[in-house]
Amino acid sequence: MKVELSAPNEAQMIAAILHGDTELYHDLIRPYEHSVYSMALSFMKNESDAEDVAQETFLKAFRNLGQFRGQAKFSTWLISITLNEARGRLRRQSVVRMEILDETLEEAGRVQSALLREWREVPSEALERKEVREILQEAIRNLSPIYREVLLLRDVEELSIEETAAALTVSTATVKVRLHRARMMMQKQLAPQLKTTSPKRRWFQ
């Protein structure tokens, strides 16, 4: 997540909360409220469900704060809880079936380089337009969960490869493969739509 408390202050706050100063918890999670909600909304597609996921995330984080060992960032730990809560709700609602893929870097290496133009190459002025933002959001929602997760964490939340792997509890190699494929899928979805929204300019050559 983009907004971080300094490590010493965060650690001190967590220690104080665990020793009974529970009112500090609101200050601890405040920098992450928007990111947690946005992550939940990208999965639930419904504001009410997203709010429930975010609320449950922070409740579970509070109840299990003593289990946080500081080996990863607090923000990464929160993301893991958010993802698990969203996945659980989706399974219970039978909205999606989680995919289990056994991928290797060798598979990704066989993809033609011509297809590797990243979705992030869309000009920033285009993304500022409401119509294009909606197209982008819809393209992300259309990704299957394993690709949507890695794309959101790496390209939206800007976590590192290692932080993304920790949040998803997968290897860094798996993160690289899934990100590689997610970006290709985004490019394929966005290219024709963006050409339609602005016929005078080709966003993807």
Protein backbone atom coordinates (compact mmCIF):
# COMPACT_ATOMS: atom_id res chain seq x y z
CA MET A 1 0.00 0.00 0.00
CA LYS A 2 1.23 3.44 -0.83
CA VAL A 3 0.85 5.18 2.53
CA GLU A 4 3.01 3.73 5.27
CA LEU A 5 3.64 4.66 8.88
CA SER A 6 7.29 4.65 9.85
CA ALA A 7 8.34 1.24 11.08
CA PRO A 8 9.33 2.28 14.64
CA ASN A 9 6.08 4.19 15.26
CA GLU A 10 4.00 1.38 13.84
CA ALA A 11 5.76 -1.21 15.98
CA GLN A 12 5.33 0.95 19.07
CA MET A 13 1.64 1.43 18.36
CA ILE A 14 1.10 -2.30 17.95
CA ALA A 15 2.94 -2.98 21.21
CA ALA A 16 0.83 -0.38 23.01
CA ILE A 17 -2.41 -1.82 21.61
CA LEU A 18 -1.42 -5.31 22.74
CA HIS A 19 -0.77 -3.90 26.21
CA GLY A 20 -4.29 -2.49 26.44
CA ASP A 21 -4.29 0.88 24.68
CA THR A 22 -6.88 -0.31 22.17
CA GLU A 23 -7.95 3.21 21.14
CA LEU A 24 -4.68 3.46 19.20
CA TYR A 25 -5.94 0.82 16.81
CA HIS A 26 -7.94 3.43 14.89
CA ASP A 27 -4.77 5.43 14.30
CA LEU A 28 -2.90 2.29 13.26
CA ILE A 29 -5.36 1.30 10.53
CA ARG A 30 -6.38 4.77 9.33
CA PRO A 31 -3.69 4.99 6.59
CA TYR A 32 -4.89 1.69 5.14
CA GLU A 33 -8.67 2.08 5.23
CA HIS A 34 -9.02 3.32 1.66
CA SER A 35 -6.70 0.68 0.18
CA VAL A 36 -8.39 -2.16 2.03
CA TYR A 37 -11.83 -0.99 0.91
CA SER A 38 -10.66 -0.53 -2.70
CA MET A 39 -9.17 -4.01 -2.71
CA ALA A 40 -12.39 -5.47 -1.31
CA LEU A 41 -14.52 -3.58 -3.84
CA SER A 42 -12.46 -4.87 -6.75
CA PHE A 43 -13.48 -8.40 -5.75
CA MET A 44 -16.99 -8.02 -4.41
CA LYS A 45 -18.24 -5.59 -7.11
CA ASN A 46 -20.77 -4.36 -4.59
CA GLU A 47 -20.22 -1.48 -2.18
CA SER A 48 -22.16 -3.08 0.66
CA ASP A 49 -20.27 -6.36 0.41
CA ALA A 50 -16.98 -4.48 0.08
CA GLU A 51 -17.73 -2.53 3.24
CA ASP A 52 -18.48 -5.80 5.05
CA VAL A 53 -15.20 -7.30 3.85
CA ALA A 54 -13.23 -4.22 4.93
CA GLN A 55 -14.91 -4.15 8.33
CA GLU A 56 -14.31 -7.85 8.88
CA THR A 57 -10.69 -7.42 7.79
CA PHE A 58 -10.02 -4.80 10.44
CA LEU A 59 -11.90 -6.79 13.08
CA LYS A 60 -9.90 -9.92 12.33
CA ALA A 61 -6.67 -7.94 12.29
CA PHE A 62 -7.51 -6.55 15.72
CA ARG A 63 -8.41 -9.96 17.15
CA ASN A 64 -5.25 -11.51 15.76
CA LEU A 65 -2.87 -8.60 16.25
CA GLY A 66 -0.83 -10.67 18.66
CA GLN A 67 -0.02 -13.05 15.81
CA PHE A 68 1.59 -10.30 13.73
CA ARG A 69 5.33 -10.86 14.06
CA GLY A 70 6.61 -8.00 11.95
CA GLN A 71 8.31 -10.31 9.46
CA ALA A 72 6.27 -8.60 6.74
CA LYS A 73 4.86 -5.10 6.64
CA PHE A 74 1.66 -4.52 8.57
CA SER A 75 0.07 -3.36 5.30
CA THR A 76 1.00 -6.66 3.62
CA TRP A 77 -0.53 -8.56 6.52
CA LEU A 78 -3.74 -6.56 6.15
CA ILE A 79 -3.85 -7.31 2.43
CA SER A 80 -3.59 -11.04 3.15
CA ILE A 81 -6.54 -10.83 5.53
CA THR A 82 -8.54 -8.78 3.00
CA LEU A 83 -7.91 -11.28 0.22
CA ASN A 84 -8.80 -14.25 2.41
CA GLU A 85 -12.02 -12.61 3.57
CA ALA A 86 -13.03 -11.66 0.01
CA ARG A 87 -12.24 -15.15 -1.28
CA GLY A 88 -14.24 -16.74 1.50
CA ARG A 89 -17.27 -14.60 0.82
CA LEU A 90 -17.11 -15.25 -2.90
CA ARG A 91 -16.92 -18.99 -2.30
CA ARG A 92 -19.89 -18.85 0.07
CA GLN A 93 -21.88 -16.84 -2.44
CA SER A 94 -20.88 -19.24 -5.22
CA VAL A 95 -20.02 -16.24 -7.38
CA VAL A 96 -16.71 -17.55 -8.61
CA ARG A 97 -14.72 -20.75 -8.56
CA MET A 98 -11.16 -20.28 -7.50
CA GLU A 99 -8.68 -21.43 -10.10
CA ILE A 100 -5.70 -23.63 -9.26
CA LEU A 101 -2.93 -23.31 -11.79
CA ASP A 102 0.49 -24.88 -11.77
CA GLU A 103 2.49 -22.38 -13.78
CA THR A 104 6.19 -22.12 -14.50
CA LEU A 105 8.41 -19.32 -15.69
CA GLU A 106 9.30 -21.44 -18.70
CA GLU A 107 5.70 -21.27 -19.86
CA ALA A 108 5.71 -17.50 -19.68
CA GLY A 109 8.98 -17.33 -21.56
CA ARG A 110 7.36 -18.89 -24.61
CA VAL A 111 4.99 -15.97 -25.04
CA GLN A 112 5.89 -13.81 -28.00
CA SER A 113 7.51 -10.53 -27.00
CA ALA A 114 5.12 -8.64 -29.29
CA LEU A 115 2.31 -9.36 -26.85
CA LEU A 116 4.12 -7.98 -23.82
CA ARG A 117 3.18 -4.33 -24.23
CA GLU A 118 1.90 -3.46 -20.75
CA TRP A 119 -1.52 -2.04 -20.00
CA ARG A 120 0.22 0.69 -18.00
CA GLU A 121 1.46 2.22 -21.26
CA VAL A 122 -1.93 3.84 -21.77
CA PRO A 123 -1.18 7.60 -21.66
CA SER A 124 -1.98 9.24 -18.32
CA GLU A 125 -4.17 11.87 -19.99
CA ALA A 126 -6.37 9.09 -21.32
CA LEU A 127 -6.75 7.52 -17.88
CA GLU A 128 -7.93 10.86 -16.52
CA ARG A 129 -11.06 10.60 -18.66
CA LYS A 130 -14.00 9.05 -16.85
CA GLU A 131 -14.93 6.81 -19.78
CA VAL A 132 -11.44 5.32 -19.97
CA ARG A 133 -11.21 4.85 -16.20
CA GLU A 134 -14.43 2.87 -16.33
CA ILE A 135 -13.06 0.72 -19.15
CA LEU A 136 -9.92 0.07 -17.10
CA GLN A 137 -11.90 -0.86 -13.99
CA GLU A 138 -14.10 -3.21 -15.99
CA ALA A 139 -11.07 -4.87 -17.58
CA ILE A 140 -9.60 -5.51 -14.13
CA ARG A 141 -12.90 -6.95 -12.91
CA ASN A 142 -12.99 -9.30 -15.90
CA LEU A 143 -9.71 -10.91 -14.91
CA SER A 144 -9.94 -14.21 -13.05
CA PRO A 145 -9.14 -13.86 -9.33
CA ILE A 146 -5.53 -15.07 -9.40
CA TYR A 147 -4.62 -12.54 -12.07
CA ARG A 148 -6.72 -9.72 -10.64
CA GLU A 149 -5.04 -10.13 -7.26
CA VAL A 150 -1.50 -9.92 -8.54
CA LEU A 151 -2.27 -7.02 -10.88
CA LEU A 152 -3.91 -4.99 -8.12
CA LEU A 153 -1.11 -5.61 -5.66
CA ARG A 154 1.75 -4.91 -8.07
CA ASP A 155 0.42 -2.27 -10.48
CA VAL A 156 -2.22 -0.52 -8.39
CA GLU A 157 -1.01 -0.85 -4.80
CA GLU A 158 2.61 -0.88 -6.04
CA LEU A 159 3.83 -3.62 -3.73
CA SER A 160 7.16 -5.21 -4.55
CA ILE A 161 7.39 -8.73 -5.99
CA GLU A 162 8.40 -10.02 -2.56
CA GLU A 163 5.56 -8.21 -0.76
CA THR A 164 3.04 -9.46 -3.30
CA ALA A 165 4.28 -13.01 -2.87
CA ALA A 166 3.97 -12.68 0.91
CA ALA A 167 0.43 -11.32 0.66
CA LEU A 168 -0.68 -14.08 -1.69
CA THR A 169 1.36 -16.79 0.06
CA VAL A 170 2.92 -17.90 -3.23
CA SER A 171 6.46 -17.87 -4.57
CA THR A 172 8.02 -14.85 -6.25
CA ALA A 173 8.27 -16.94 -9.44
CA THR A 174 4.51 -17.49 -9.41
CA VAL A 175 3.95 -13.76 -8.91
CA LYS A 176 6.09 -12.98 -11.96
CA VAL A 177 4.26 -15.48 -14.14
CA ARG A 178 0.80 -14.35 -13.08
CA LEU A 179 1.69 -10.67 -13.43
CA HIS A 180 3.12 -11.34 -16.88
CA ARG A 181 -0.10 -12.99 -18.00
CA ALA A 182 -2.37 -10.46 -16.29
CA ARG A 183 -0.70 -7.60 -18.14
CA MET A 184 -1.11 -9.40 -21.46
CA MET A 185 -4.79 -9.98 -20.74
CA MET A 186 -5.24 -6.31 -19.88
CA GLN A 187 -3.51 -5.25 -23.08
CA LYS A 188 -5.75 -7.48 -25.17
CA GLN A 189 -8.88 -6.14 -23.48
CA LEU A 190 -7.92 -2.48 -23.50
CA ALA A 191 -6.37 -2.03 -26.94
CA PRO A 192 -9.55 -2.29 -29.07
CA GLN A 193 -11.72 -0.42 -26.57
CA LEU A 194 -9.34 2.50 -26.24
CA LYS A 195 -9.04 2.78 -30.00
CA THR A 196 -12.84 3.03 -30.11
CA THR A 197 -13.02 5.72 -27.45
CA SER A 198 -10.41 7.82 -29.25
CA PRO A 199 -10.26 6.88 -32.95
CA LYS A 200 -7.82 9.67 -33.80
CA ARG A 201 -5.10 8.17 -31.65
CA ARG A 202 -3.79 4.65 -31.38
CA TRP A 203 -2.98 3.87 -27.77
CA PHE A 204 -1.37 0.56 -28.68
CA GLN A 205 0.75 0.27 -31.79
